[in-house]
Amino acid sequence: MWKRIAVVWTLVKVDAQVLWYALQHPQSPRWLKVGAIGMVAYLLSPIDLIPDVLPVIGVVDDLVLIPLVMHWLLGRLPASIRDYAERRARGESVDPPGRPTTVRVVD
């Protein structure tokens, strides 16, 4: 069971990083920003599908819905933005979008 939880945590962490870098992309769609704000608002809001005052069940809806929404938002991103965000999340060096890359000519 703990191994499954660790795998799910790793996937959520990677999705969160990809979403963060996708939001920083200058060409990220407005619906992505609205969706991310809505997701954070739902997480922080005292109004939930299942109230948080219930000992275990109240937190389960947050633990299930937030990763699902995050994955759903990332699945609808344009391929170029998703590729950029995934490469940044992996720690690769990526040229900022919109800036011309330098080309070195070797004689």
Protein backbone atom coordinates (compact mmCIF):
# COMPACT_ATOMS: atom_id res chain seq x y z
CA MET A 1 0.00 0.00 0.00
CA TRP A 2 2.79 2.46 0.87
CA LYS A 3 4.43 1.76 -2.47
CA ARG A 4 1.23 2.75 -4.28
CA ILE A 5 0.94 5.92 -2.22
CA ALA A 6 4.56 6.79 -3.08
CA VAL A 7 3.87 6.28 -6.79
CA VAL A 8 0.74 8.45 -6.67
CA TRP A 9 2.62 11.14 -4.73
CA THR A 10 5.40 11.14 -7.35
CA LEU A 11 2.88 11.51 -10.18
CA VAL A 12 1.07 14.36 -8.43
CA LYS A 13 4.36 16.10 -7.69
CA VAL A 14 5.48 15.86 -11.32
CA ASP A 15 2.07 17.07 -12.56
CA ALA A 16 2.24 20.01 -10.15
CA GLN A 17 5.69 20.98 -11.46
CA VAL A 18 4.57 20.68 -15.08
CA LEU A 19 1.48 22.78 -14.32
CA TRP A 20 3.64 25.41 -12.61
CA TYR A 21 5.96 25.71 -15.62
CA ALA A 22 3.04 25.69 -18.04
CA LEU A 23 1.50 28.61 -16.14
CA GLN A 24 4.77 30.53 -16.47
CA HIS A 25 4.85 30.07 -20.25
CA PRO A 26 3.97 33.40 -21.94
CA GLN A 27 1.62 31.68 -24.40
CA SER A 28 -0.28 29.64 -21.81
CA PRO A 29 -4.02 29.82 -22.44
CA ARG A 30 -6.24 31.89 -20.19
CA TRP A 31 -8.41 28.86 -19.35
CA LEU A 32 -5.36 27.18 -17.81
CA LYS A 33 -4.84 30.09 -15.45
CA VAL A 34 -8.54 30.22 -14.56
CA GLY A 35 -8.57 26.45 -13.99
CA ALA A 36 -5.50 26.59 -11.75
CA ILE A 37 -6.98 29.45 -9.73
CA GLY A 38 -10.25 27.52 -9.40
CA MET A 39 -8.39 24.42 -8.28
CA VAL A 40 -6.49 26.31 -5.57
CA ALA A 41 -9.68 28.11 -4.51
CA TYR A 42 -11.47 24.77 -4.12
CA LEU A 43 -8.56 23.40 -2.11
CA LEU A 44 -8.56 26.38 0.26
CA SER A 45 -12.31 26.92 0.36
CA PRO A 46 -14.27 25.73 3.38
CA ILE A 47 -17.05 24.69 0.98
CA ASP A 48 -16.37 21.17 -0.34
CA LEU A 49 -18.33 18.30 -1.82
CA ILE A 50 -17.70 16.46 1.42
CA PRO A 51 -17.09 18.73 4.47
CA ASP A 52 -13.56 18.61 5.89
CA VAL A 53 -14.90 18.31 9.43
CA LEU A 54 -15.57 14.62 8.81
CA PRO A 55 -12.42 12.89 10.09
CA VAL A 56 -11.07 10.96 7.08
CA ILE A 57 -13.71 11.19 4.38
CA GLY A 58 -13.62 15.00 4.34
CA VAL A 59 -10.05 15.10 3.13
CA VAL A 60 -10.44 12.28 0.61
CA ASP A 61 -12.36 14.43 -1.88
CA ASP A 62 -9.46 16.91 -1.94
CA LEU A 63 -6.92 14.11 -2.33
CA VAL A 64 -8.85 12.68 -5.28
CA LEU A 65 -10.26 15.72 -7.07
CA ILE A 66 -7.18 17.96 -7.08
CA PRO A 67 -4.87 15.44 -8.85
CA LEU A 68 -7.66 14.55 -11.30
CA VAL A 69 -8.29 18.19 -12.21
CA MET A 70 -4.56 18.87 -12.47
CA HIS A 71 -4.09 15.93 -14.85
CA TRP A 72 -7.18 16.95 -16.84
CA LEU A 73 -5.88 20.51 -17.28
CA LEU A 74 -2.47 19.28 -18.40
CA GLY A 75 -4.05 16.90 -20.89
CA ARG A 76 -5.73 19.78 -22.70
CA LEU A 77 -2.60 21.91 -23.12
CA PRO A 78 -1.21 22.59 -26.58
CA ALA A 79 1.67 20.22 -27.35
CA SER A 80 4.33 22.94 -27.52
CA ILE A 81 3.50 24.35 -24.10
CA ARG A 82 3.23 20.90 -22.53
CA ASP A 83 6.58 19.86 -24.03
CA TYR A 84 8.21 23.06 -22.75
CA ALA A 85 6.79 22.55 -19.25
CA GLU A 86 7.75 18.87 -19.11
CA ARG A 87 11.31 19.64 -20.18
CA ARG A 88 11.60 22.35 -17.54
CA ALA A 89 10.19 19.99 -14.89
CA ARG A 90 12.85 17.41 -15.80
CA GLY A 91 15.49 20.09 -15.24
CA GLU A 92 16.56 20.42 -18.85
CA SER A 93 17.90 23.73 -20.10
CA VAL A 94 15.20 25.31 -22.23
CA ASP A 95 15.42 28.61 -24.08
CA PRO A 96 12.71 31.01 -22.97
CA PRO A 97 9.91 31.12 -25.54
CA GLY A 98 9.81 34.16 -27.76
CA ARG A 99 13.56 34.75 -27.61
CA PRO A 100 15.63 33.94 -30.66
CA THR A 101 18.14 31.18 -30.17
CA THR A 102 21.72 31.90 -31.04
CA VAL A 103 23.21 29.90 -33.85
CA ARG A 104 26.91 29.30 -33.92
CA VAL A 105 28.48 28.93 -37.33
CA VAL A 106 31.68 26.94 -37.38
CA ASP A 107 33.99 27.39 -40.38
